[in-house]
Amino acid sequence: MRAFCSLLVLLSLPIGATTRIKELASVEGVRDNQLIGYGLVVGLAGTGDRRQTVFSAQSLANMLQRMGISVPPTSLRVANMAAVIITATLPPFGQPGTRIDVTAASAGDASNLQGGLLLLTPLKGPDGQVYAVAQGPVVTGGFSAGRGGSSQTVNHPTVGRIAGGALIERTAPSVALTATLNLQLRRADFTTAARIASAVNQHFGSAIAHAENSAVVSIKMPESYSAKRIEFMAEVEALSLEADRIAKVVVNERTGTIVMGKEVRIAPVAILHGSLSVEIQTTQIVSQPQPLSAGQTTVVPETVVAAKQDRTRNVVLKDGATVEELVLALSSIGSSARDIIAILQALRAAGALEAEVEII
């Protein structure tokens, strides 16, 4: 029998806690870029693509032909090779010669990429240009051993990673810092955007920043920083302020996990909660006939049904109660995380939970 563990996390920030602008926003145009490529992993110990994967054999034949070896794809039967899809993230202002990490995932029916070597693979951006090339040994976070019913698989051996496995060959298209900067908030919020503009204006002593909307804050660089734009941006990122956060409760019903903020408020409400458990047991009893009789030995199932209902537990919350008080009250009567999930959903339906509930 597998045990199920439930977890409840209560997050709270100290009063007056501040966050840097660096964690709240980024400069418009300074962003990562996704790269993708198709390559071959060789050196597998018989765990590569099988004959059903036609494109891996064709890829190997094409590569050998570029090296001066002509082999028909239909005659290739190589079990130590696998076709893979390579993905990587090109950071902003990445310079040629800088190394980045790549991830290799099997595109065919290979069973394991452990011990494989990725051959030289170009990585392209959405515009079709090659921005990096990848090559190196693939490291998987798991393994697969044995055959048939006597096999063991740990984690996911068909996806691997190459740390520093790609070299940047072309710089990403990034927006240069100009006299006017636009900060993009990672989480759009009118209050936070207004506070960022106020913090910048207060620090530099003039109205150089204003919020365009809930997600963009425009900053006009002062003349004294015209030759020091990087230093100006670093100074802006280091400014701290108190970010506004919405009251939110996140519930994962599959794992029994609840994450909620301490600022969540609950309207006056009374909660009654009880549980009903039904247990059904079936016992197989052998019915033996009398000696020298014409009867036959049979197996007769005997079913016993038992129902048990726990005593209803009640919690009364006053006006302005916080989620911390709710959790403490529910924990005091022995409620599990599963019980709290059901209670939170009932509170939301009753309109007593003053927070946004997100179920994932």
Protein backbone atom coordinates (compact mmCIF):
# COMPACT_ATOMS: atom_id res chain seq x y z
CA MET A 1 0.00 0.00 0.00
CA ARG A 2 1.45 3.34 -0.99
CA ALA A 3 1.37 6.09 1.61
CA PHE A 4 0.14 9.52 0.55
CA CYS A 5 1.67 12.59 2.15
CA SER A 6 -0.10 15.93 2.14
CA LEU A 7 1.68 19.24 2.55
CA LEU A 8 0.45 22.69 3.48
CA VAL A 9 2.76 25.69 3.09
CA LEU A 10 1.98 29.06 4.65
CA LEU A 11 4.06 31.86 3.22
CA SER A 12 4.45 35.18 4.96
CA LEU A 13 6.71 38.16 4.52
CA PRO A 14 7.82 40.42 7.33
CA ILE A 15 6.06 43.76 7.51
CA GLY A 16 7.83 46.33 5.34
CA ALA A 17 9.79 43.73 3.36
CA THR A 18 11.24 45.26 0.20
CA THR A 19 12.22 43.83 -3.19
CA ARG A 20 14.72 45.15 -5.70
CA ILE A 21 13.51 46.38 -9.07
CA LYS A 22 15.81 43.76 -10.62
CA GLU A 23 13.50 41.02 -9.30
CA LEU A 24 10.31 42.83 -10.31
CA ALA A 25 11.04 44.03 -13.86
CA SER A 26 13.38 43.71 -16.82
CA VAL A 27 14.43 46.08 -19.60
CA GLU A 28 12.29 45.86 -22.71
CA GLY A 29 14.19 44.05 -25.46
CA VAL A 30 16.73 42.46 -23.11
CA ARG A 31 15.44 38.90 -23.21
CA ASP A 32 16.39 35.28 -23.75
CA ASN A 33 16.03 33.58 -27.12
CA GLN A 34 15.10 29.95 -27.75
CA LEU A 35 17.27 27.77 -29.99
CA ILE A 36 16.54 24.36 -31.49
CA GLY A 37 18.43 21.82 -33.55
CA TYR A 38 18.38 18.23 -34.82
CA GLY A 39 21.34 15.97 -34.21
CA LEU A 40 22.66 12.46 -33.66
CA VAL A 41 23.87 10.81 -30.47
CA VAL A 42 26.30 7.93 -31.00
CA GLY A 43 28.11 5.50 -28.72
CA LEU A 44 25.01 3.98 -27.13
CA ALA A 45 25.28 0.40 -25.88
CA GLY A 46 22.57 -1.05 -28.09
CA THR A 47 19.88 1.26 -26.71
CA GLY A 48 19.57 3.51 -29.75
CA ASP A 49 16.87 3.80 -32.40
CA ARG A 50 15.56 0.61 -33.93
CA ARG A 51 14.86 -0.02 -37.58
CA GLN A 52 11.34 1.42 -37.29
CA THR A 53 12.85 4.91 -36.92
CA VAL A 54 13.67 5.61 -40.56
CA PHE A 55 14.88 9.20 -40.27
CA SER A 56 17.81 8.35 -37.95
CA ALA A 57 19.31 6.00 -40.55
CA GLN A 58 18.78 8.61 -43.27
CA SER A 59 20.48 11.24 -41.10
CA LEU A 60 23.50 8.99 -40.54
CA ALA A 61 23.72 8.26 -44.29
CA ASN A 62 23.62 11.98 -45.09
CA MET A 63 26.36 12.72 -42.56
CA LEU A 64 28.58 9.94 -43.90
CA GLN A 65 28.04 11.20 -47.43
CA ARG A 66 29.30 14.65 -46.43
CA MET A 67 32.41 12.91 -45.13
CA GLY A 68 32.97 11.14 -48.44
CA ILE A 69 31.37 7.78 -47.56
CA SER A 70 28.38 6.73 -49.64
CA VAL A 71 26.09 4.20 -47.89
CA PRO A 72 22.44 3.49 -48.79
CA PRO A 73 20.16 4.33 -45.83
CA THR A 74 18.27 1.04 -46.22
CA SER A 75 21.42 -0.98 -45.56
CA LEU A 76 22.21 0.71 -42.24
CA ARG A 77 21.35 -1.16 -39.05
CA VAL A 78 23.00 0.75 -36.24
CA ALA A 79 21.64 0.24 -32.70
CA ASN A 80 24.22 2.49 -31.06
CA MET A 81 22.82 5.72 -32.50
CA ALA A 82 19.77 7.86 -31.74
CA ALA A 83 18.21 10.89 -33.38
CA VAL A 84 17.67 13.71 -30.87
CA ILE A 85 16.16 17.19 -30.69
CA ILE A 86 18.48 19.76 -29.12
CA THR A 87 17.16 22.81 -27.28
CA ALA A 88 19.03 25.69 -25.65
CA THR A 89 18.45 29.21 -24.35
CA LEU A 90 20.56 32.02 -25.76
CA PRO A 91 21.01 34.71 -23.08
CA PRO A 92 20.79 38.42 -23.97
CA PHE A 93 24.08 39.94 -25.15
CA GLY A 94 25.63 36.46 -25.39
CA GLN A 95 29.03 36.87 -27.05
CA PRO A 96 30.62 34.49 -29.60
CA GLY A 97 32.77 31.90 -27.86
CA THR A 98 30.64 31.79 -24.72
CA ARG A 99 29.35 28.37 -23.70
CA ILE A 100 25.71 27.60 -22.86
CA ASP A 101 23.95 24.45 -21.64
CA VAL A 102 21.88 22.30 -23.99
CA THR A 103 19.26 19.57 -23.54
CA ALA A 104 19.01 16.51 -25.79
CA ALA A 105 15.76 14.52 -26.07
CA SER A 106 15.24 11.36 -28.08
CA ALA A 107 13.16 11.88 -31.23
CA GLY A 108 12.82 8.19 -32.11
CA ASP A 109 12.34 4.98 -30.17
CA ALA A 110 15.71 4.88 -28.38
CA SER A 111 15.38 3.46 -24.87
CA ASN A 112 18.39 5.11 -23.24
CA LEU A 113 20.81 7.95 -24.04
CA GLN A 114 23.21 7.06 -21.23
CA GLY A 115 26.86 7.25 -22.28
CA GLY A 116 26.06 8.79 -25.66
CA LEU A 117 28.05 11.46 -27.52
CA LEU A 118 26.26 14.26 -29.36
CA LEU A 119 27.80 15.01 -32.75
CA LEU A 120 28.26 18.57 -34.02
CA THR A 121 24.76 20.08 -34.23
CA PRO A 122 23.84 23.62 -35.38
CA LEU A 123 21.26 25.41 -33.23
CA LYS A 124 18.95 27.83 -35.01
CA GLY A 125 16.65 30.60 -33.88
CA PRO A 126 13.12 31.38 -35.11
CA ASP A 127 14.63 33.37 -37.99
CA GLY A 128 16.47 30.30 -39.32
CA GLN A 129 19.94 31.67 -38.52
CA VAL A 130 22.54 29.52 -36.73
CA TYR A 131 23.42 31.10 -33.37
CA ALA A 132 25.28 28.24 -31.69
CA VAL A 133 26.73 24.77 -32.29
CA ALA A 134 26.50 21.91 -29.81
CA GLN A 135 28.65 18.84 -29.25
CA GLY A 136 29.70 16.70 -26.32
CA PRO A 137 28.82 13.78 -24.00
CA VAL A 138 25.21 13.50 -22.90
CA VAL A 139 24.61 13.15 -19.16
CA THR A 140 21.27 11.61 -18.19
CA GLY A 141 19.67 11.93 -14.79
CA GLY A 142 18.65 8.26 -14.76
CA PHE A 143 19.42 4.82 -16.12
CA SER A 144 17.71 1.69 -17.42
CA ALA A 145 19.09 -1.80 -16.79
CA GLY A 146 17.87 -5.35 -17.39
CA ARG A 147 15.39 -6.81 -19.84
CA GLY A 148 11.82 -7.96 -19.87
CA GLY A 149 10.37 -8.55 -16.43
CA SER A 150 13.78 -8.15 -14.78
CA SER A 151 14.44 -4.52 -15.61
CA GLN A 152 14.83 -1.37 -13.58
CA THR A 153 14.41 2.22 -14.80
CA VAL A 154 15.29 5.27 -12.72
CA ASN A 155 14.09 8.76 -13.71
CA HIS A 156 13.95 9.53 -17.45
CA PRO A 157 16.91 8.11 -19.43
CA THR A 158 15.74 9.36 -22.85
CA VAL A 159 16.47 13.01 -22.02
CA GLY A 160 19.98 14.24 -21.22
CA ARG A 161 21.87 17.44 -20.65
CA ILE A 162 25.25 18.73 -21.77
CA ALA A 163 26.66 21.36 -19.42
CA GLY A 164 28.39 24.02 -21.49
CA GLY A 165 27.85 21.85 -24.55
CA ALA A 166 27.21 24.64 -27.06
CA LEU A 167 29.37 27.49 -28.29
CA ILE A 168 27.72 30.76 -29.27
CA GLU A 169 28.63 31.69 -32.84
CA ARG A 170 26.42 34.73 -33.37
CA THR A 171 25.17 37.41 -30.97
CA ALA A 172 21.45 37.52 -30.35
CA PRO A 173 19.45 40.49 -31.66
CA SER A 174 19.15 42.68 -28.55
CA VAL A 175 17.88 46.23 -28.13
CA ALA A 176 20.62 48.72 -27.25
CA LEU A 177 20.11 50.95 -24.22
CA THR A 178 18.83 54.34 -25.36
CA ALA A 179 17.93 57.60 -23.60
CA THR A 180 14.46 56.20 -22.85
CA LEU A 181 14.14 52.83 -21.11
CA ASN A 182 11.01 50.77 -20.70
CA LEU A 183 10.82 48.43 -17.72
CA GLN A 184 8.55 45.44 -18.19
CA LEU A 185 7.03 44.07 -15.00
CA ARG A 186 7.22 40.30 -14.67
CA ARG A 187 3.78 40.35 -13.04
CA ALA A 188 1.53 43.17 -14.23
CA ASP A 189 0.16 45.24 -11.36
CA PHE A 190 -0.89 48.90 -11.31
CA THR A 191 0.18 49.46 -7.70
CA THR A 192 3.63 47.97 -8.18
CA ALA A 193 4.16 49.94 -11.42
CA ALA A 194 3.26 53.20 -9.65
CA ARG A 195 5.61 52.37 -6.76
CA ILE A 196 8.51 51.67 -9.17
CA ALA A 197 8.04 55.04 -10.87
CA SER A 198 7.84 56.77 -7.49
CA ALA A 199 11.00 55.04 -6.22
CA VAL A 200 12.98 56.06 -9.34
CA ASN A 201 11.79 59.67 -9.19
CA GLN A 202 12.55 59.93 -5.49
CA HIS A 203 16.05 58.51 -5.91
CA PHE A 204 17.09 60.73 -8.83
CA GLY A 205 15.26 63.80 -7.56
CA SER A 206 13.23 64.51 -10.72
CA ALA A 207 10.18 63.18 -12.55
CA ILE A 208 12.03 60.98 -15.04
CA ALA A 209 9.79 57.91 -14.67
CA HIS A 210 6.09 57.31 -15.13
CA ALA A 211 3.94 54.19 -15.44
CA GLU A 212 2.59 53.66 -18.96
CA ASN A 213 0.24 50.90 -17.77
CA SER A 214 0.20 48.03 -15.30
CA ALA A 215 3.09 46.26 -17.06
CA VAL A 216 5.40 49.02 -18.39
CA VAL A 217 7.27 51.84 -16.63
CA SER A 218 9.00 54.37 -18.89
CA ILE A 219 12.22 56.02 -17.64
CA LYS A 220 13.94 58.96 -19.34
CA MET A 221 17.66 58.87 -18.65
CA PRO A 222 19.09 62.11 -17.14
CA GLU A 223 21.67 64.05 -19.14
CA SER A 224 24.34 63.38 -16.52
CA TYR A 225 24.12 59.66 -17.32
CA SER A 226 24.24 59.96 -21.13
CA ALA A 227 27.74 58.47 -21.19
CA LYS A 228 27.06 56.01 -18.36
CA ARG A 229 23.96 54.15 -19.46
CA ILE A 230 25.02 50.80 -18.00
CA GLU A 231 25.77 52.42 -14.64
CA PHE A 232 22.39 54.16 -14.72
CA MET A 233 20.57 50.88 -15.37
CA ALA A 234 22.50 49.16 -12.58
CA GLU A 235 21.54 51.96 -10.19
CA VAL A 236 17.88 51.66 -11.15
CA GLU A 237 17.88 47.88 -10.69
CA ALA A 238 19.34 48.22 -7.20
CA LEU A 239 16.44 50.38 -5.95
CA SER A 240 14.17 48.61 -3.46
CA LEU A 241 10.45 48.98 -2.83
CA GLU A 242 7.55 47.12 -1.31
CA ALA A 243 5.80 45.24 -4.09
CA ASP A 244 2.06 44.76 -3.93
CA ARG A 245 0.82 41.17 -3.95
CA ILE A 246 -2.69 39.92 -4.49
CA ALA A 247 -4.29 37.56 -2.00
CA LYS A 248 -4.03 34.16 -3.62
CA VAL A 249 -4.38 30.50 -2.66
CA VAL A 250 -2.84 27.81 -4.89
CA VAL A 251 -4.17 24.27 -4.53
CA ASN A 252 -2.77 21.10 -6.11
CA GLU A 253 -5.39 18.41 -5.63
CA ARG A 254 -3.19 15.66 -7.12
CA THR A 255 -0.51 16.00 -4.45
CA GLY A 256 -2.52 17.57 -1.65
CA THR A 257 -0.35 20.70 -1.61
CA ILE A 258 -1.71 24.09 -0.51
CA VAL A 259 0.25 27.34 -0.82
CA MET A 260 -1.33 30.51 0.53
CA GLY A 261 -0.28 33.98 1.54
CA LYS A 262 -0.66 35.25 5.07
CA GLU A 263 -2.57 38.33 3.89
CA VAL A 264 -5.58 36.24 2.78
CA ARG A 265 -8.67 37.32 4.74
CA ILE A 266 -11.76 35.30 5.59
CA ALA A 267 -15.23 36.68 6.21
CA PRO A 268 -17.17 35.69 9.38
CA VAL A 269 -18.10 32.06 8.88
CA ALA A 270 -18.80 28.84 10.80
CA ILE A 271 -17.30 25.61 9.44
CA LEU A 272 -18.66 22.13 10.20
CA HIS A 273 -16.61 19.28 8.88
CA GLY A 274 -16.91 15.53 9.36
CA SER A 275 -15.91 12.39 7.51
CA LEU A 276 -17.65 9.17 6.59
CA SER A 277 -15.62 6.05 5.90
CA VAL A 278 -17.03 2.83 4.42
CA GLU A 279 -15.01 -0.39 4.59
CA ILE A 280 -15.92 -3.49 2.60
CA GLN A 281 -14.17 -6.78 3.30
CA THR A 282 -14.68 -9.97 1.31
CA THR A 283 -13.52 -13.33 2.72
CA GLN A 284 -13.45 -16.50 0.65
CA ILE A 285 -14.85 -19.44 2.67
CA VAL A 286 -14.52 -23.05 1.50
CA SER A 287 -17.80 -25.01 1.72
CA GLN A 288 -17.04 -28.72 2.24
CA PRO A 289 -19.86 -31.31 1.62
CA GLN A 290 -20.62 -34.13 4.01
CA PRO A 291 -18.66 -37.41 3.57
CA LEU A 292 -20.08 -39.83 0.97
CA SER A 293 -22.57 -37.20 -0.21
CA ALA A 294 -23.15 -36.08 -3.83
CA GLY A 295 -22.18 -32.49 -3.02
CA GLN A 296 -19.10 -30.63 -4.39
CA THR A 297 -16.51 -28.45 -2.68
CA THR A 298 -17.15 -24.79 -3.50
CA VAL A 299 -15.76 -21.41 -2.51
CA VAL A 300 -18.36 -19.07 -1.06
CA PRO A 301 -17.54 -15.32 -0.70
CA GLU A 302 -18.59 -13.71 2.57
CA THR A 303 -18.89 -9.90 2.41
CA VAL A 304 -18.92 -7.64 5.46
CA VAL A 305 -19.77 -3.93 5.11
CA ALA A 306 -18.89 -1.54 7.94
CA ALA A 307 -19.58 2.20 7.99
CA LYS A 308 -18.03 4.68 10.42
CA GLN A 309 -18.74 8.37 10.64
CA ASP A 310 -16.55 10.65 12.71
CA ARG A 311 -17.99 13.26 14.98
CA THR A 312 -18.58 16.58 13.23
CA ARG A 313 -15.90 19.12 14.09
CA ASN A 314 -16.71 22.82 14.05
CA VAL A 315 -14.64 26.00 13.71
CA VAL A 316 -15.97 29.56 14.14
CA LEU A 317 -13.99 32.46 12.63
CA LYS A 318 -14.62 36.09 13.49
CA ASP A 319 -14.61 39.08 11.15
CA GLY A 320 -11.17 39.83 9.65
CA ALA A 321 -9.71 36.42 10.43
CA THR A 322 -6.56 35.58 8.51
CA VAL A 323 -5.65 32.34 6.78
CA GLU A 324 -3.07 31.75 9.50
CA GLU A 325 -5.86 31.64 12.07
CA LEU A 326 -7.83 29.31 9.80
CA VAL A 327 -4.91 26.91 9.43
CA LEU A 328 -4.23 26.89 13.18
CA ALA A 329 -7.91 26.28 13.93
CA LEU A 330 -8.23 23.46 11.40
CA SER A 331 -4.98 21.86 12.54
CA SER A 332 -6.16 21.95 16.15
CA ILE A 333 -9.15 19.73 15.29
CA GLY A 334 -6.97 17.29 13.33
CA SER A 335 -7.79 18.33 9.77
CA SER A 336 -5.49 17.09 7.04
CA ALA A 337 -4.42 18.99 3.92
CA ARG A 338 -7.11 17.14 1.96
CA ASP A 339 -9.73 18.38 4.43
CA ILE A 340 -8.41 21.94 4.15
CA ILE A 341 -8.63 21.78 0.33
CA ALA A 342 -12.30 20.80 0.55
CA ILE A 343 -12.95 23.53 3.12
CA LEU A 344 -11.23 26.20 1.00
CA GLN A 345 -13.31 25.26 -2.03
CA ALA A 346 -16.47 25.46 0.09
CA LEU A 347 -15.41 28.87 1.45
CA ARG A 348 -14.83 30.12 -2.08
CA ALA A 349 -18.27 28.90 -3.19
CA ALA A 350 -19.83 30.64 -0.18
CA GLY A 351 -18.03 33.91 -0.96
CA ALA A 352 -16.28 33.93 2.42
CA LEU A 353 -12.70 33.62 1.10
CA GLU A 354 -11.36 37.03 0.10
CA ALA A 355 -8.66 35.70 -2.22
CA GLU A 356 -8.11 34.30 -5.68
CA VAL A 357 -8.07 30.49 -5.69
CA GLU A 358 -6.01 28.76 -8.38
CA ILE A 359 -6.30 24.99 -8.76
CA ILE A 360 -3.42 23.35 -10.65
